[in-house]
Amino acid sequence: MKIVVIGSGAIGSLVAAYLKEKGADIYLVARKEAVDAINSSGIKVSGARQGHKVMVTAHSQLISKPDLLILAVKTQDIECALKDNAAFLKDSLLLTTQNGIAADEIAARYIPKDRIISSIVMFGSTYIEPGLVVHNFEGAWIIGRPFAKGADQQLIDVSLALDEAFPTTISDDIIGMKYMKIFVNANNCIPAILGLSMQEAFADLDVSRISIGIWKEGFDIICKSGINLVSLPGFPLENVTKMICMPAQQAAGIFSGIMLKLSKDPLYGSILQSIKRGRRSEVEFINGAFTALAVKNGLKAPLNTKLIELVHAVEETGQFFTKEELLSFTKGLYD
């Protein structure tokens, strides 16, 4: 299977490096500075699997038709990536990797729905600079059809190809799982607002209580919108339902303990990684998934709305908020 990865950030670089290391016929499409760095020095991966340096070929656009295109750009960059490479995408399978639930609908404007495969990335990675990433923790790669049910030969073939690098499973309800993944990612906005690693931010129990508030508000919106959540490997639905039913301080203590043990290396969520690179974050497709559902169904999402507003303020000014400011801005919006 001929594979191309578009996007050289945390996930794109990690995936390209590990698949190439396992012998895949693969190249990477990236921005010029990344292309130059990767072609010169390869992709260096540290972290969960010790140190790796893998020589991967990189180009600024597609140069041949892939059997599988792994789209590893941010959701807001999907349209540009597909438009720029449209000439080579006519018969390719497209695999989306983005957080939130919007990526597949955007891709379907340019790619036939029967050629789109959606995925959920449960492993974690941090982008340091072009050609240098940290693999923070292991996890599954879940794939499925966003516009159909059941497994088919194409899904099986893609699963076998990806399984060379990460344990890959096929889901019959990828959309229910993608909504569940939003709960995994929804707290990324807090370290982004503070400019801290996940470990630094959630060592504070008061800050961790905001995370429980995000889950409570999001879960209420999801339930009232009639959406069925589906458990993820390593993150069952009970992780959310039990925590939101506990006393807030107790739940915050458990959440804090989990986050502190997640990675021995400093872990920076996808939202903060984008901000540090001077780019728009995907907060509108993560916490914004909750607020969009709230608007659609006549509900309210004051906490997630405020957190999105604070992330945008950081994006615009480049100035992070203090913990005290965060707690003041969100006072009365949770618990």
C-alpha atoms as a PDB file:
ATOM      1  CA  MET A   1       0.000   0.000   0.000  1.00  0.00           C
ATOM      2  CA  LYS A   2       1.414   3.366  -1.062  1.00  0.00           C
ATOM      3  CA  ILE A   3       0.860   5.837   1.776  1.00  0.00           C
ATOM      4  CA  VAL A   4       1.213   9.608   2.039  1.00  0.00           C
ATOM      5  CA  VAL A   5       0.884  11.633   5.235  1.00  0.00           C
ATOM      6  CA  ILE A   6      -0.141  15.277   4.833  1.00  0.00           C
ATOM      7  CA  GLY A   7       0.953  17.258   7.882  1.00  0.00           C
ATOM      8  CA  SER A   8       4.224  17.124   9.793  1.00  0.00           C
ATOM      9  CA  GLY A   9       3.014  18.065  13.264  1.00  0.00           C
ATOM     10  CA  ALA A  10       2.964  15.849  16.334  1.00  0.00           C
ATOM     11  CA  ILE A  11       0.823  13.061  14.885  1.00  0.00           C
ATOM     12  CA  GLY A  12       1.852  13.309  11.234  1.00  0.00           C
ATOM     13  CA  SER A  13       5.574  13.124  11.982  1.00  0.00           C
ATOM     14  CA  LEU A  14       5.166  10.292  14.482  1.00  0.00           C
ATOM     15  CA  VAL A  15       2.993   8.219  12.147  1.00  0.00           C
ATOM     16  CA  ALA A  16       5.258   8.789   9.148  1.00  0.00           C
ATOM     17  CA  ALA A  17       8.361   7.845  11.137  1.00  0.00           C
ATOM     18  CA  TYR A  18       6.960   4.665  12.644  1.00  0.00           C
ATOM     19  CA  LEU A  19       5.353   3.425   9.418  1.00  0.00           C
ATOM     20  CA  LYS A  20       8.540   4.111   7.451  1.00  0.00           C
ATOM     21  CA  GLU A  21      10.569   2.306  10.106  1.00  0.00           C
ATOM     22  CA  LYS A  22       8.344  -0.740   9.575  1.00  0.00           C
ATOM     23  CA  GLY A  23       9.034  -0.711   5.851  1.00  0.00           C
ATOM     24  CA  ALA A  24       6.010   1.170   4.502  1.00  0.00           C
ATOM     25  CA  ASP A  25       6.118   2.794   1.063  1.00  0.00           C
ATOM     26  CA  ILE A  26       5.476   6.279   2.416  1.00  0.00           C
ATOM     27  CA  TYR A  27       6.366   9.935   2.074  1.00  0.00           C
ATOM     28  CA  LEU A  28       5.339  13.101   3.890  1.00  0.00           C
ATOM     29  CA  VAL A  29       3.781  16.339   2.614  1.00  0.00           C
ATOM     30  CA  ALA A  30       4.547  19.403   4.706  1.00  0.00           C
ATOM     31  CA  ARG A  31       5.363  23.104   4.765  1.00  0.00           C
ATOM     32  CA  LYS A  32       8.696  24.177   3.270  1.00  0.00           C
ATOM     33  CA  GLU A  33      10.591  24.586   6.559  1.00  0.00           C
ATOM     34  CA  ALA A  34       9.562  21.093   7.626  1.00  0.00           C
ATOM     35  CA  VAL A  35      10.362  19.617   4.203  1.00  0.00           C
ATOM     36  CA  ASP A  36      13.881  21.044   4.346  1.00  0.00           C
ATOM     37  CA  ALA A  37      14.507  19.865   7.912  1.00  0.00           C
ATOM     38  CA  ILE A  38      13.130  16.351   7.391  1.00  0.00           C
ATOM     39  CA  ASN A  39      14.904  15.746   4.089  1.00  0.00           C
ATOM     40  CA  SER A  40      18.141  16.907   5.675  1.00  0.00           C
ATOM     41  CA  SER A  41      18.018  15.182   9.058  1.00  0.00           C
ATOM     42  CA  GLY A  42      15.033  12.818   9.086  1.00  0.00           C
ATOM     43  CA  ILE A  43      12.448  12.607  11.857  1.00  0.00           C
ATOM     44  CA  LYS A  44      13.779  12.183  15.374  1.00  0.00           C
ATOM     45  CA  VAL A  45      11.368  10.592  17.851  1.00  0.00           C
ATOM     46  CA  SER A  46      12.006  10.343  21.591  1.00  0.00           C
ATOM     47  CA  GLY A  47       9.806   9.154  24.416  1.00  0.00           C
ATOM     48  CA  ALA A  48       7.736   6.000  24.756  1.00  0.00           C
ATOM     49  CA  ARG A  49       9.836   3.796  22.442  1.00  0.00           C
ATOM     50  CA  GLN A  50      13.206   5.272  23.360  1.00  0.00           C
ATOM     51  CA  GLY A  51      15.124   7.211  20.722  1.00  0.00           C
ATOM     52  CA  HIS A  52      14.536   6.859  16.978  1.00  0.00           C
ATOM     53  CA  LYS A  53      15.808   8.649  13.905  1.00  0.00           C
ATOM     54  CA  VAL A  54      14.045   7.714  10.697  1.00  0.00           C
ATOM     55  CA  MET A  55      14.842   9.078   7.249  1.00  0.00           C
ATOM     56  CA  VAL A  56      11.546   9.975   5.585  1.00  0.00           C
ATOM     57  CA  THR A  57      11.199  11.713   2.233  1.00  0.00           C
ATOM     58  CA  ALA A  58       9.197  14.941   2.380  1.00  0.00           C
ATOM     59  CA  HIS A  59       7.637  17.103  -0.347  1.00  0.00           C
ATOM     60  CA  SER A  60       5.666  20.346  -0.342  1.00  0.00           C
ATOM     61  CA  GLN A  61       2.761  18.683  -2.187  1.00  0.00           C
ATOM     62  CA  LEU A  62       1.706  15.305  -3.521  1.00  0.00           C
ATOM     63  CA  ILE A  63       3.882  14.032  -6.356  1.00  0.00           C
ATOM     64  CA  SER A  64       2.056  10.748  -6.992  1.00  0.00           C
ATOM     65  CA  LYS A  65      -1.288   9.098  -6.305  1.00  0.00           C
ATOM     66  CA  PRO A  66      -1.333   7.272  -2.961  1.00  0.00           C
ATOM     67  CA  ASP A  67      -3.461   4.253  -2.144  1.00  0.00           C
ATOM     68  CA  LEU A  68      -3.988   5.790   1.297  1.00  0.00           C
ATOM     69  CA  LEU A  69      -3.747   9.449   2.229  1.00  0.00           C
ATOM     70  CA  ILE A  70      -3.434  10.066   5.965  1.00  0.00           C
ATOM     71  CA  LEU A  71      -4.666  13.582   6.645  1.00  0.00           C
ATOM     72  CA  ALA A  72      -2.820  14.841   9.730  1.00  0.00           C
ATOM     73  CA  VAL A  73      -3.394  18.596   9.455  1.00  0.00           C
ATOM     74  CA  LYS A  74      -5.649  20.535  11.822  1.00  0.00           C
ATOM     75  CA  THR A  75      -9.358  20.540  10.993  1.00  0.00           C
ATOM     76  CA  GLN A  76      -9.272  24.176   9.870  1.00  0.00           C
ATOM     77  CA  ASP A  77      -6.545  23.309   7.320  1.00  0.00           C
ATOM     78  CA  ILE A  78      -8.329  20.347   5.673  1.00  0.00           C
ATOM     79  CA  GLU A  79      -9.929  22.293   2.829  1.00  0.00           C
ATOM     80  CA  CYS A  80      -6.660  23.907   1.789  1.00  0.00           C
ATOM     81  CA  ALA A  81      -4.794  20.577   1.939  1.00  0.00           C
ATOM     82  CA  LEU A  82      -7.364  18.810  -0.238  1.00  0.00           C
ATOM     83  CA  LYS A  83      -7.665  21.656  -2.746  1.00  0.00           C
ATOM     84  CA  ASP A  84      -3.888  21.913  -3.132  1.00  0.00           C
ATOM     85  CA  ASN A  85      -3.537  18.188  -3.831  1.00  0.00           C
ATOM     86  CA  ALA A  86      -6.805  17.454  -5.654  1.00  0.00           C
ATOM     87  CA  ALA A  87      -5.135  16.225  -8.833  1.00  0.00           C
ATOM     88  CA  PHE A  88      -3.806  13.099  -7.107  1.00  0.00           C
ATOM     89  CA  LEU A  89      -6.797  12.243  -4.914  1.00  0.00           C
ATOM     90  CA  LYS A  90      -9.347  10.922  -7.392  1.00  0.00           C
ATOM     91  CA  ASP A  91      -9.073   7.237  -6.459  1.00  0.00           C
ATOM     92  CA  SER A  92      -7.268   7.391  -3.101  1.00  0.00           C
ATOM     93  CA  LEU A  93      -8.624   6.350   0.256  1.00  0.00           C
ATOM     94  CA  LEU A  94      -8.595   9.229   2.733  1.00  0.00           C
ATOM     95  CA  LEU A  95      -8.021   8.666   6.448  1.00  0.00           C
ATOM     96  CA  THR A  96      -8.914  11.574   8.749  1.00  0.00           C
ATOM     97  CA  THR A  97      -7.171  11.818  12.130  1.00  0.00           C
ATOM     98  CA  GLN A  98      -8.528  15.082  13.527  1.00  0.00           C
ATOM     99  CA  ASN A  99     -10.106  15.679  16.924  1.00  0.00           C
ATOM    100  CA  GLY A 100     -13.790  16.553  17.027  1.00  0.00           C
ATOM    101  CA  ILE A 101     -16.399  15.445  14.497  1.00  0.00           C
ATOM    102  CA  ALA A 102     -16.174  18.004  11.683  1.00  0.00           C
ATOM    103  CA  ALA A 103     -13.272  16.583   9.644  1.00  0.00           C
ATOM    104  CA  ASP A 104     -15.213  13.926   7.756  1.00  0.00           C
ATOM    105  CA  GLU A 105     -17.974  16.309   6.673  1.00  0.00           C
ATOM    106  CA  ILE A 106     -15.385  18.797   5.412  1.00  0.00           C
ATOM    107  CA  ALA A 107     -13.511  16.061   3.532  1.00  0.00           C
ATOM    108  CA  ALA A 108     -16.765  14.853   1.959  1.00  0.00           C
ATOM    109  CA  ARG A 109     -17.003  18.133   0.023  1.00  0.00           C
ATOM    110  CA  TYR A 110     -13.969  17.014  -1.985  1.00  0.00           C
ATOM    111  CA  ILE A 111     -13.777  13.215  -1.662  1.00  0.00           C
ATOM    112  CA  PRO A 112     -16.595  10.679  -2.285  1.00  0.00           C
ATOM    113  CA  LYS A 113     -17.989   9.494   1.043  1.00  0.00           C
ATOM    114  CA  ASP A 114     -17.265   5.857   0.246  1.00  0.00           C
ATOM    115  CA  ARG A 115     -13.538   6.683   0.056  1.00  0.00           C
ATOM    116  CA  ILE A 116     -13.389   8.362   3.465  1.00  0.00           C
ATOM    117  CA  ILE A 117     -12.269   6.483   6.563  1.00  0.00           C
ATOM    118  CA  SER A 118     -12.390   8.215   9.924  1.00  0.00           C
ATOM    119  CA  SER A 119      -9.990   7.493  12.755  1.00  0.00           C
ATOM    120  CA  ILE A 120      -9.355   8.183  16.417  1.00  0.00           C
ATOM    121  CA  VAL A 121      -5.794   8.495  17.663  1.00  0.00           C
ATOM    122  CA  MET A 122      -5.389   7.314  21.254  1.00  0.00           C
ATOM    123  CA  PHE A 123      -1.600   7.642  21.385  1.00  0.00           C
ATOM    124  CA  GLY A 124      -0.029  10.960  22.346  1.00  0.00           C
ATOM    125  CA  SER A 125       2.740  13.014  20.803  1.00  0.00           C
ATOM    126  CA  THR A 126       4.258  16.481  21.209  1.00  0.00           C
ATOM    127  CA  TYR A 127       5.718  18.565  18.387  1.00  0.00           C
ATOM    128  CA  ILE A 128       9.004  20.238  19.332  1.00  0.00           C
ATOM    129  CA  GLU A 129      10.272  21.577  16.001  1.00  0.00           C
ATOM    130  CA  PRO A 130      10.334  20.426  12.364  1.00  0.00           C
ATOM    131  CA  GLY A 131      11.558  16.836  12.347  1.00  0.00           C
ATOM    132  CA  LEU A 132      11.546  16.464  16.139  1.00  0.00           C
ATOM    133  CA  VAL A 133       8.673  14.994  18.175  1.00  0.00           C
ATOM    134  CA  VAL A 134       8.158  13.290  21.526  1.00  0.00           C
ATOM    135  CA  HIS A 135       6.035  10.144  21.650  1.00  0.00           C
ATOM    136  CA  ASN A 136       4.425  10.695  25.057  1.00  0.00           C
ATOM    137  CA  PHE A 137       2.323   7.569  25.465  1.00  0.00           C
ATOM    138  CA  GLU A 138       1.090   4.504  23.607  1.00  0.00           C
ATOM    139  CA  GLY A 139      -2.480   3.895  22.538  1.00  0.00           C
ATOM    140  CA  ALA A 140      -4.730   2.349  19.927  1.00  0.00           C
ATOM    141  CA  TRP A 141      -5.600   3.648  16.476  1.00  0.00           C
ATOM    142  CA  ILE A 142      -9.323   3.187  15.837  1.00  0.00           C
ATOM    143  CA  ILE A 143     -10.744   3.366  12.317  1.00  0.00           C
ATOM    144  CA  GLY A 144     -14.241   3.141  10.875  1.00  0.00           C
ATOM    145  CA  ARG A 145     -16.623   4.403   8.235  1.00  0.00           C
ATOM    146  CA  PRO A 146     -18.206   7.752   9.177  1.00  0.00           C
ATOM    147  CA  PHE A 147     -20.948   7.425   6.552  1.00  0.00           C
ATOM    148  CA  ALA A 148     -21.627   3.674   6.703  1.00  0.00           C
ATOM    149  CA  LYS A 149     -21.721   0.744   9.115  1.00  0.00           C
ATOM    150  CA  GLY A 150     -19.692  -2.427   9.296  1.00  0.00           C
ATOM    151  CA  ALA A 151     -16.260  -3.568   8.173  1.00  0.00           C
ATOM    152  CA  ASP A 152     -15.230  -4.003   4.554  1.00  0.00           C
ATOM    153  CA  GLN A 153     -12.094  -5.103   2.740  1.00  0.00           C
ATOM    154  CA  GLN A 154     -10.742  -1.569   2.428  1.00  0.00           C
ATOM    155  CA  LEU A 155     -11.052  -1.063   6.179  1.00  0.00           C
ATOM    156  CA  ILE A 156      -9.317  -4.370   6.795  1.00  0.00           C
ATOM    157  CA  ASP A 157      -6.479  -3.484   4.411  1.00  0.00           C
ATOM    158  CA  VAL A 158      -5.969  -0.084   6.047  1.00  0.00           C
ATOM    159  CA  SER A 159      -6.116  -1.643   9.512  1.00  0.00           C
ATOM    160  CA  LEU A 160      -3.397  -4.131   8.592  1.00  0.00           C
ATOM    161  CA  ALA A 161      -1.194  -1.362   7.192  1.00  0.00           C
ATOM    162  CA  LEU A 162      -1.534   0.890  10.249  1.00  0.00           C
ATOM    163  CA  ASP A 163      -1.174  -2.015  12.653  1.00  0.00           C
ATOM    164  CA  GLU A 164       2.489  -2.203  11.664  1.00  0.00           C
ATOM    165  CA  ALA A 165       3.041   0.949  13.741  1.00  0.00           C
ATOM    166  CA  PHE A 166       0.164   1.075  16.248  1.00  0.00           C
ATOM    167  CA  PRO A 167      -2.434  -1.459  17.434  1.00  0.00           C
ATOM    168  CA  THR A 168      -5.360  -0.755  15.123  1.00  0.00           C
ATOM    169  CA  THR A 169      -9.000  -1.737  15.581  1.00  0.00           C
ATOM    170  CA  ILE A 170     -12.125  -1.320  13.444  1.00  0.00           C
ATOM    171  CA  SER A 171     -15.187   0.328  14.981  1.00  0.00           C
ATOM    172  CA  ASP A 172     -18.772  -0.147  13.841  1.00  0.00           C
ATOM    173  CA  ASP A 173     -19.731   3.195  15.443  1.00  0.00           C
ATOM    174  CA  ILE A 174     -16.838   5.554  14.860  1.00  0.00           C
ATOM    175  CA  ILE A 175     -19.061   8.628  15.333  1.00  0.00           C
ATOM    176  CA  GLY A 176     -20.140   7.585  18.829  1.00  0.00           C
ATOM    177  CA  MET A 177     -16.476   7.021  19.634  1.00  0.00           C
ATOM    178  CA  LYS A 178     -15.442  10.386  18.168  1.00  0.00           C
ATOM    179  CA  TYR A 179     -17.921  12.164  20.424  1.00  0.00           C
ATOM    180  CA  MET A 180     -16.398  10.208  23.316  1.00  0.00           C
ATOM    181  CA  LYS A 181     -12.916  11.332  22.248  1.00  0.00           C
ATOM    182  CA  ILE A 182     -14.033  14.941  22.661  1.00  0.00           C
ATOM    183  CA  PHE A 183     -14.106  14.302  26.411  1.00  0.00           C
ATOM    184  CA  VAL A 184     -10.473  13.149  26.234  1.00  0.00           C
ATOM    185  CA  ASN A 185      -9.445  16.348  24.437  1.00  0.00           C
ATOM    186  CA  ALA A 186     -11.818  18.921  25.929  1.00  0.00           C
ATOM    187  CA  ASN A 187      -9.516  19.732  28.842  1.00  0.00           C
ATOM    188  CA  ASN A 188      -6.624  20.639  26.513  1.00  0.00           C
ATOM    189  CA  CYS A 189      -7.954  24.182  26.474  1.00  0.00           C
ATOM    190  CA  ILE A 190      -6.946  24.755  30.110  1.00  0.00           C
ATOM    191  CA  PRO A 191      -3.154  24.290  29.768  1.00  0.00           C
ATOM    192  CA  ALA A 192      -3.408  26.328  26.541  1.00  0.00           C
ATOM    193  CA  ILE A 193      -4.974  29.232  28.432  1.00  0.00           C
ATOM    194  CA  LEU A 194      -2.274  29.001  31.109  1.00  0.00           C
ATOM    195  CA  GLY A 195       0.684  28.266  28.833  1.00  0.00           C
ATOM    196  CA  LEU A 196       1.606  25.221  30.914  1.00  0.00           C
ATOM    197  CA  SER A 197       2.134  21.515  30.388  1.00  0.00           C
ATOM    198  CA  MET A 198      -0.760  19.229  31.251  1.00  0.00           C
ATOM    199  CA  GLN A 199       1.127  18.080  34.338  1.00  0.00           C
ATOM    200  CA  GLU A 200       1.780  21.632  35.553  1.00  0.00           C
ATOM    201  CA  ALA A 201      -1.785  22.781  34.978  1.00  0.00           C
ATOM    202  CA  PHE A 202      -3.578  19.832  36.543  1.00  0.00           C
ATOM    203  CA  ALA A 203      -1.331  19.538  39.584  1.00  0.00           C
ATOM    204  CA  ASP A 204      -3.639  22.275  40.923  1.00  0.00           C
ATOM    205  CA  LEU A 205      -6.896  20.778  42.232  1.00  0.00           C
ATOM    206  CA  ASP A 206      -8.860  23.990  41.703  1.00  0.00           C
ATOM    207  CA  VAL A 207      -7.868  23.960  38.037  1.00  0.00           C
ATOM    208  CA  SER A 208      -8.747  20.258  37.836  1.00  0.00           C
ATOM    209  CA  ARG A 209     -12.226  21.089  39.110  1.00  0.00           C
ATOM    210  CA  ILE A 210     -12.759  23.171  35.989  1.00  0.00           C
ATOM    211  CA  SER A 211     -12.027  20.006  33.974  1.00  0.00           C
ATOM    212  CA  ILE A 212     -14.776  18.150  35.789  1.00  0.00           C
ATOM    213  CA  GLY A 213     -17.049  21.086  35.042  1.00  0.00           C
ATOM    214  CA  ILE A 214     -16.249  20.791  31.333  1.00  0.00           C
ATOM    215  CA  TRP A 215     -17.236  17.128  31.435  1.00  0.00           C
ATOM    216  CA  LYS A 216     -20.454  17.793  33.352  1.00  0.00           C
ATOM    217  CA  GLU A 217     -21.579  20.473  30.944  1.00  0.00           C
ATOM    218  CA  GLY A 218     -20.552  18.474  27.883  1.00  0.00           C
ATOM    219  CA  PHE A 219     -22.203  15.272  29.077  1.00  0.00           C
ATOM    220  CA  ASP A 220     -25.470  17.083  29.772  1.00  0.00           C
ATOM    221  CA  ILE A 221     -25.441  18.588  26.275  1.00  0.00           C
ATOM    222  CA  ILE A 222     -24.589  15.259  24.634  1.00  0.00           C
ATOM    223  CA  CYS A 223     -27.394  13.442  26.476  1.00  0.00           C
ATOM    224  CA  LYS A 224     -30.008  16.120  25.754  1.00  0.00           C
ATOM    225  CA  SER A 225     -28.955  16.085  22.086  1.00  0.00           C
ATOM    226  CA  GLY A 226     -29.746  12.359  21.835  1.00  0.00           C
ATOM    227  CA  ILE A 227     -26.182  11.264  21.019  1.00  0.00           C
ATOM    228  CA  ASN A 228     -24.970   7.844  22.150  1.00  0.00           C
ATOM    229  CA  LEU A 229     -21.412   7.815  23.447  1.00  0.00           C
ATOM    230  CA  VAL A 230     -19.299   4.712  22.793  1.00  0.00           C
ATOM    231  CA  SER A 231     -16.424   3.721  25.082  1.00  0.00           C
ATOM    232  CA  LEU A 232     -12.853   3.981  23.844  1.00  0.00           C
ATOM    233  CA  PRO A 233      -9.968   1.570  24.541  1.00  0.00           C
ATOM    234  CA  GLY A 234      -8.488   2.758  27.824  1.00  0.00           C
ATOM    235  CA  PHE A 235     -11.197   5.378  28.257  1.00  0.00           C
ATOM    236  CA  PRO A 236     -14.593   3.794  28.969  1.00  0.00           C
ATOM    237  CA  LEU A 237     -17.745   5.844  29.275  1.00  0.00           C
ATOM    238  CA  GLU A 238     -17.700   5.126  33.016  1.00  0.00           C
ATOM    239  CA  ASN A 239     -14.608   7.331  33.350  1.00  0.00           C
ATOM    240  CA  VAL A 240     -16.843  10.307  32.661  1.00  0.00           C
ATOM    241  CA  THR A 241     -20.127   9.221  34.246  1.00  0.00           C
ATOM    242  CA  LYS A 242     -18.543   8.221  37.550  1.00  0.00           C
ATOM    243  CA  MET A 243     -16.430  11.371  37.840  1.00  0.00           C
ATOM    244  CA  ILE A 244     -19.258  13.795  37.138  1.00  0.00           C
ATOM    245  CA  CYS A 245     -21.383  12.117  39.814  1.00  0.00           C
ATOM    246  CA  MET A 246     -18.686  12.371  42.515  1.00  0.00           C
ATOM    247  CA  PRO A 247     -18.218  15.353  44.811  1.00  0.00           C
ATOM    248  CA  ALA A 248     -16.272  17.853  42.713  1.00  0.00           C
ATOM    249  CA  GLN A 249     -13.182  17.954  44.940  1.00  0.00           C
ATOM    250  CA  GLN A 250     -12.908  14.158  45.011  1.00  0.00           C
ATOM    251  CA  ALA A 251     -13.266  13.944  41.239  1.00  0.00           C
ATOM    252  CA  ALA A 252     -10.675  16.694  40.790  1.00  0.00           C
ATOM    253  CA  GLY A 253      -8.190  14.755  42.900  1.00  0.00           C
ATOM    254  CA  ILE A 254      -8.640  11.612  40.808  1.00  0.00           C
ATOM    255  CA  PHE A 255      -8.408  13.570  37.550  1.00  0.00           C
ATOM    256  CA  SER A 256      -5.250  15.324  38.732  1.00  0.00           C
ATOM    257  CA  GLY A 257      -3.616  12.014  39.633  1.00  0.00           C
ATOM    258  CA  ILE A 258      -4.378  10.575  36.199  1.00  0.00           C
ATOM    259  CA  MET A 259      -2.944  13.578  34.367  1.00  0.00           C
ATOM    260  CA  LEU A 260       0.236  13.669  36.440  1.00  0.00           C
ATOM    261  CA  LYS A 261       0.985  10.042  35.528  1.00  0.00           C
ATOM    262  CA  LEU A 262       0.093  10.269  31.847  1.00  0.00           C
ATOM    263  CA  SER A 263       3.623  10.900  30.581  1.00  0.00           C
ATOM    264  CA  LYS A 264       7.099  11.138  32.076  1.00  0.00           C
ATOM    265  CA  ASP A 265       7.855  13.890  29.543  1.00  0.00           C
ATOM    266  CA  PRO A 266       6.046  17.244  29.689  1.00  0.00           C
ATOM    267  CA  LEU A 267       2.792  16.811  27.768  1.00  0.00           C
ATOM    268  CA  TYR A 268       1.381  19.711  25.795  1.00  0.00           C
ATOM    269  CA  GLY A 269      -2.102  19.363  24.362  1.00  0.00           C
ATOM    270  CA  SER A 270      -2.839  19.979  20.707  1.00  0.00           C
ATOM    271  CA  ILE A 271      -4.356  23.409  21.375  1.00  0.00           C
ATOM    272  CA  LEU A 272      -1.260  24.767  23.125  1.00  0.00           C
ATOM    273  CA  GLN A 273       1.025  23.184  20.538  1.00  0.00           C
ATOM    274  CA  SER A 274      -0.760  25.163  17.818  1.00  0.00           C
ATOM    275  CA  ILE A 275      -0.533  28.390  19.812  1.00  0.00           C
ATOM    276  CA  LYS A 276       3.198  27.887  20.388  1.00  0.00           C
ATOM    277  CA  ARG A 277       3.639  27.503  16.627  1.00  0.00           C
ATOM    278  CA  GLY A 278       1.768  30.758  16.014  1.00  0.00           C
ATOM    279  CA  ARG A 279      -1.187  29.021  14.391  1.00  0.00           C
ATOM    280  CA  ARG A 280      -4.908  28.854  15.023  1.00  0.00           C
ATOM    281  CA  SER A 281      -5.887  26.078  17.382  1.00  0.00           C
ATOM    282  CA  GLU A 282      -8.656  23.518  16.943  1.00  0.00           C
ATOM    283  CA  VAL A 283     -10.556  24.625  20.064  1.00  0.00           C
ATOM    284  CA  GLU A 284     -13.639  25.409  17.926  1.00  0.00           C
ATOM    285  CA  PHE A 285     -13.724  21.749  16.866  1.00  0.00           C
ATOM    286  CA  ILE A 286     -13.222  20.332  20.382  1.00  0.00           C
ATOM    287  CA  ASN A 287     -14.969  22.453  23.029  1.00  0.00           C
ATOM    288  CA  GLY A 288     -16.779  24.046  20.122  1.00  0.00           C
ATOM    289  CA  ALA A 289     -18.440  20.705  19.397  1.00  0.00           C
ATOM    290  CA  PHE A 290     -20.237  21.068  22.751  1.00  0.00           C
ATOM    291  CA  THR A 291     -21.226  24.691  22.158  1.00  0.00           C
ATOM    292  CA  ALA A 292     -22.445  23.952  18.616  1.00  0.00           C
ATOM    293  CA  LEU A 293     -24.676  21.154  19.889  1.00  0.00           C
ATOM    294  CA  ALA A 294     -25.971  23.476  22.602  1.00  0.00           C
ATOM    295  CA  VAL A 295     -26.943  26.132  20.058  1.00  0.00           C
ATOM    296  CA  LYS A 296     -28.510  23.542  17.733  1.00  0.00           C
ATOM    297  CA  ASN A 297     -30.675  22.116  20.518  1.00  0.00           C
ATOM    298  CA  GLY A 298     -31.584  25.302  22.392  1.00  0.00           C
ATOM    299  CA  LEU A 299     -29.232  24.564  25.292  1.00  0.00           C
ATOM    300  CA  LYS A 300     -26.527  26.566  27.046  1.00  0.00           C
ATOM    301  CA  ALA A 301     -22.795  25.918  27.446  1.00  0.00           C
ATOM    302  CA  PRO A 302     -21.462  28.845  29.493  1.00  0.00           C
ATOM    303  CA  LEU A 303     -18.253  27.180  30.719  1.00  0.00           C
ATOM    304  CA  ASN A 304     -17.106  25.857  27.352  1.00  0.00           C
ATOM    305  CA  THR A 305     -18.095  29.150  25.708  1.00  0.00           C
ATOM    306  CA  LYS A 306     -15.951  31.109  28.175  1.00  0.00           C
ATOM    307  CA  LEU A 307     -12.971  28.755  27.759  1.00  0.00           C
ATOM    308  CA  ILE A 308     -13.122  29.066  23.966  1.00  0.00           C
ATOM    309  CA  GLU A 309     -13.171  32.845  24.395  1.00  0.00           C
ATOM    310  CA  LEU A 310     -10.061  32.696  26.609  1.00  0.00           C
ATOM    311  CA  VAL A 311      -8.197  30.473  24.148  1.00  0.00           C
ATOM    312  CA  HIS A 312      -8.936  32.950  21.346  1.00  0.00           C
ATOM    313  CA  ALA A 313      -7.689  35.795  23.554  1.00  0.00           C
ATOM    314  CA  VAL A 314      -4.378  33.945  23.996  1.00  0.00           C
ATOM    315  CA  GLU A 315      -4.184  33.281  20.246  1.00  0.00           C
ATOM    316  CA  GLU A 316      -4.714  36.963  19.472  1.00  0.00           C
ATOM    317  CA  THR A 317      -2.465  38.515  22.126  1.00  0.00           C
ATOM    318  CA  GLY A 318       0.172  35.846  22.706  1.00  0.00           C
ATOM    319  CA  GLN A 319      -0.308  36.422  26.437  1.00  0.00           C
ATOM    320  CA  PHE A 320      -1.259  33.573  28.762  1.00  0.00           C
ATOM    321  CA  PHE A 321      -3.501  33.939  31.801  1.00  0.00           C
ATOM    322  CA  THR A 322      -2.594  33.102  35.397  1.00  0.00           C
ATOM    323  CA  LYS A 323      -4.370  30.376  37.349  1.00  0.00           C
ATOM    324  CA  GLU A 324      -5.988  33.072  39.476  1.00  0.00           C
ATOM    325  CA  GLU A 325      -7.338  34.835  36.397  1.00  0.00           C
ATOM    326  CA  LEU A 326      -8.661  31.564  34.967  1.00  0.00           C
ATOM    327  CA  LEU A 327     -10.455  30.749  38.211  1.00  0.00           C
ATOM    328  CA  SER A 328     -11.902  34.261  38.355  1.00  0.00           C
ATOM    329  CA  PHE A 329     -13.163  34.186  34.749  1.00  0.00           C
ATOM    330  CA  THR A 330     -14.856  30.804  35.208  1.00  0.00           C
ATOM    331  CA  LYS A 331     -16.252  31.379  38.705  1.00  0.00           C
ATOM    332  CA  GLY A 332     -19.859  30.279  38.960  1.00  0.00           C
ATOM    333  CA  LEU A 333     -19.824  28.451  35.606  1.00  0.00           C
ATOM    334  CA  TYR A 334     -19.281  24.946  37.048  1.00  0.00           C
ATOM    335  CA  ASP A 335     -19.988  22.855  40.174  1.00  0.00           C
END
